[in-house]
Amino acid sequence: MISQPLQALSVANEVKQSRCALKREVKASDPAAARRHVADVILDPPHWAGNWQLADVLCILPRFGTTRAASICHQAHTSTTRRLCDLTDRQRTVIALALSNSTN
């Protein structure tokens, strides 16, 4: 039987590896595909992305920094520190549309 601290470390390592894999996929793809991929993660977050803050997800996109992330969050009437699991369906849709309409 695995102790609780080791089990927690195992789960945390899985989450970290999944997030790094997403970051690698986004970096390797063209900007439009990267925005679509991130929008898909925001619309239907996997279990490992639920506690990820919105600004952290948006900032993995190329040419997206804290200012652009804050602008998109403002359009959705939410905070940059909001976690993906706490977003409403309307907020998810607004953010996904803002990403698809983004030209940079």
C-alpha atoms as a PDB file:
ATOM      1  CA  MET A   1       0.000   0.000   0.000  1.00  0.00           C
ATOM      2  CA  ILE A   2       1.320   3.416  -0.962  1.00  0.00           C
ATOM      3  CA  SER A   3       1.385   6.053   1.736  1.00  0.00           C
ATOM      4  CA  GLN A   4      -0.716   9.159   1.271  1.00  0.00           C
ATOM      5  CA  PRO A   5       2.246  11.548   0.754  1.00  0.00           C
ATOM      6  CA  LEU A   6       3.689   9.298  -1.968  1.00  0.00           C
ATOM      7  CA  GLN A   7       0.290   9.031  -3.621  1.00  0.00           C
ATOM      8  CA  ALA A   8      -0.061  12.825  -3.579  1.00  0.00           C
ATOM      9  CA  LEU A   9       3.395  13.180  -5.132  1.00  0.00           C
ATOM     10  CA  SER A  10       2.416  10.723  -7.830  1.00  0.00           C
ATOM     11  CA  VAL A  11      -0.731  12.696  -8.704  1.00  0.00           C
ATOM     12  CA  ALA A  12       1.178  16.000  -8.663  1.00  0.00           C
ATOM     13  CA  ASN A  13       3.817  14.532 -10.982  1.00  0.00           C
ATOM     14  CA  GLU A  14       1.130  13.350 -13.413  1.00  0.00           C
ATOM     15  CA  VAL A  15      -0.440  16.825 -13.457  1.00  0.00           C
ATOM     16  CA  LYS A  16       2.945  18.465 -14.002  1.00  0.00           C
ATOM     17  CA  GLN A  17       3.816  16.114 -16.872  1.00  0.00           C
ATOM     18  CA  SER A  18       0.436  16.668 -18.545  1.00  0.00           C
ATOM     19  CA  ARG A  19       0.782  20.446 -18.333  1.00  0.00           C
ATOM     20  CA  CYS A  20       4.301  20.278 -19.762  1.00  0.00           C
ATOM     21  CA  ALA A  21       3.050  18.080 -22.613  1.00  0.00           C
ATOM     22  CA  LEU A  22       0.385  20.670 -23.446  1.00  0.00           C
ATOM     23  CA  LYS A  23       2.980  23.445 -23.404  1.00  0.00           C
ATOM     24  CA  ARG A  24       5.220  21.448 -25.768  1.00  0.00           C
ATOM     25  CA  GLU A  25       2.306  20.775 -28.145  1.00  0.00           C
ATOM     26  CA  VAL A  26       1.368  24.468 -28.195  1.00  0.00           C
ATOM     27  CA  LYS A  27       4.967  25.543 -28.862  1.00  0.00           C
ATOM     28  CA  ALA A  28       5.333  23.019 -31.693  1.00  0.00           C
ATOM     29  CA  SER A  29       2.137  24.019 -33.516  1.00  0.00           C
ATOM     30  CA  ASP A  30       1.292  27.091 -35.562  1.00  0.00           C
ATOM     31  CA  PRO A  31      -0.417  29.985 -33.703  1.00  0.00           C
ATOM     32  CA  ALA A  32      -3.946  29.290 -34.991  1.00  0.00           C
ATOM     33  CA  ALA A  33      -3.748  25.608 -34.051  1.00  0.00           C
ATOM     34  CA  ALA A  34      -2.278  26.538 -30.667  1.00  0.00           C
ATOM     35  CA  ARG A  35      -5.206  28.888 -29.941  1.00  0.00           C
ATOM     36  CA  ARG A  36      -7.703  26.186 -30.982  1.00  0.00           C
ATOM     37  CA  HIS A  37      -5.973  23.629 -28.758  1.00  0.00           C
ATOM     38  CA  VAL A  38      -5.979  25.947 -25.734  1.00  0.00           C
ATOM     39  CA  ALA A  39      -9.612  26.888 -26.433  1.00  0.00           C
ATOM     40  CA  ASP A  40     -10.502  23.177 -26.413  1.00  0.00           C
ATOM     41  CA  VAL A  41      -8.771  22.762 -23.053  1.00  0.00           C
ATOM     42  CA  ILE A  42     -10.681  25.756 -21.665  1.00  0.00           C
ATOM     43  CA  LEU A  43     -14.037  24.554 -23.040  1.00  0.00           C
ATOM     44  CA  ASP A  44     -13.628  21.042 -21.649  1.00  0.00           C
ATOM     45  CA  PRO A  45     -10.743  20.936 -19.166  1.00  0.00           C
ATOM     46  CA  PRO A  46      -9.183  17.537 -18.473  1.00  0.00           C
ATOM     47  CA  HIS A  47      -8.905  16.479 -14.836  1.00  0.00           C
ATOM     48  CA  TRP A  48      -5.293  17.650 -14.659  1.00  0.00           C
ATOM     49  CA  ALA A  49      -6.160  21.165 -15.876  1.00  0.00           C
ATOM     50  CA  GLY A  50      -9.045  21.940 -13.526  1.00  0.00           C
ATOM     51  CA  ASN A  51      -6.956  23.775 -10.930  1.00  0.00           C
ATOM     52  CA  TRP A  52      -4.912  25.699 -13.488  1.00  0.00           C
ATOM     53  CA  GLN A  53      -5.374  29.458 -13.317  1.00  0.00           C
ATOM     54  CA  LEU A  54      -6.783  31.071 -16.440  1.00  0.00           C
ATOM     55  CA  ALA A  55      -3.865  33.479 -16.915  1.00  0.00           C
ATOM     56  CA  ASP A  56      -1.382  30.593 -16.749  1.00  0.00           C
ATOM     57  CA  VAL A  57      -3.261  28.739 -19.481  1.00  0.00           C
ATOM     58  CA  LEU A  58      -3.522  31.785 -21.739  1.00  0.00           C
ATOM     59  CA  CYS A  59       0.112  32.776 -21.266  1.00  0.00           C
ATOM     60  CA  ILE A  60       1.396  29.533 -22.778  1.00  0.00           C
ATOM     61  CA  LEU A  61       0.182  30.824 -26.141  1.00  0.00           C
ATOM     62  CA  PRO A  62       2.739  32.580 -28.320  1.00  0.00           C
ATOM     63  CA  ARG A  63       2.550  36.399 -28.128  1.00  0.00           C
ATOM     64  CA  PHE A  64       0.205  36.194 -25.122  1.00  0.00           C
ATOM     65  CA  GLY A  65       1.307  37.877 -21.941  1.00  0.00           C
ATOM     66  CA  THR A  66      -0.394  39.059 -18.810  1.00  0.00           C
ATOM     67  CA  THR A  67      -1.912  42.113 -20.533  1.00  0.00           C
ATOM     68  CA  ARG A  68      -3.556  40.165 -23.346  1.00  0.00           C
ATOM     69  CA  ALA A  69      -4.691  37.470 -20.890  1.00  0.00           C
ATOM     70  CA  ALA A  70      -6.243  40.162 -18.672  1.00  0.00           C
ATOM     71  CA  SER A  71      -8.000  41.668 -21.689  1.00  0.00           C
ATOM     72  CA  ILE A  72      -9.586  38.334 -22.621  1.00  0.00           C
ATOM     73  CA  CYS A  73     -10.581  37.705 -19.005  1.00  0.00           C
ATOM     74  CA  HIS A  74     -12.152  41.163 -18.879  1.00  0.00           C
ATOM     75  CA  GLN A  75     -14.276  40.289 -21.934  1.00  0.00           C
ATOM     76  CA  ALA A  76     -15.550  37.245 -20.048  1.00  0.00           C
ATOM     77  CA  HIS A  77     -16.123  39.253 -16.832  1.00  0.00           C
ATOM     78  CA  THR A  78     -13.772  37.098 -14.817  1.00  0.00           C
ATOM     79  CA  SER A  79     -10.428  37.321 -13.075  1.00  0.00           C
ATOM     80  CA  THR A  80      -7.097  36.085 -14.397  1.00  0.00           C
ATOM     81  CA  THR A  81      -6.660  34.096 -11.193  1.00  0.00           C
ATOM     82  CA  ARG A  82      -9.890  32.163 -11.728  1.00  0.00           C
ATOM     83  CA  ARG A  83      -9.364  28.422 -12.024  1.00  0.00           C
ATOM     84  CA  LEU A  84     -10.599  26.554 -15.083  1.00  0.00           C
ATOM     85  CA  CYS A  85     -12.898  24.340 -13.004  1.00  0.00           C
ATOM     86  CA  ASP A  86     -14.628  27.455 -11.606  1.00  0.00           C
ATOM     87  CA  LEU A  87     -15.519  29.060 -14.953  1.00  0.00           C
ATOM     88  CA  THR A  88     -19.133  29.105 -16.066  1.00  0.00           C
ATOM     89  CA  ASP A  89     -20.140  27.764 -19.475  1.00  0.00           C
ATOM     90  CA  ARG A  90     -20.749  31.302 -20.702  1.00  0.00           C
ATOM     91  CA  GLN A  91     -17.282  32.424 -19.593  1.00  0.00           C
ATOM     92  CA  ARG A  92     -15.685  29.404 -21.285  1.00  0.00           C
ATOM     93  CA  THR A  93     -17.528  30.199 -24.518  1.00  0.00           C
ATOM     94  CA  VAL A  94     -16.580  33.898 -24.456  1.00  0.00           C
ATOM     95  CA  ILE A  95     -12.914  33.067 -23.873  1.00  0.00           C
ATOM     96  CA  ALA A  96     -12.883  30.422 -26.619  1.00  0.00           C
ATOM     97  CA  LEU A  97     -14.487  32.873 -29.064  1.00  0.00           C
ATOM     98  CA  ALA A  98     -11.975  35.576 -28.116  1.00  0.00           C
ATOM     99  CA  LEU A  99      -9.146  33.128 -28.809  1.00  0.00           C
ATOM    100  CA  SER A 100     -10.580  32.121 -32.173  1.00  0.00           C
ATOM    101  CA  ASN A 101     -11.048  35.786 -33.152  1.00  0.00           C
ATOM    102  CA  SER A 102      -7.518  36.710 -32.092  1.00  0.00           C
ATOM    103  CA  THR A 103      -5.315  37.460 -35.095  1.00  0.00           C
ATOM    104  CA  ASN A 104      -1.871  37.412 -33.425  1.00  0.00           C
END
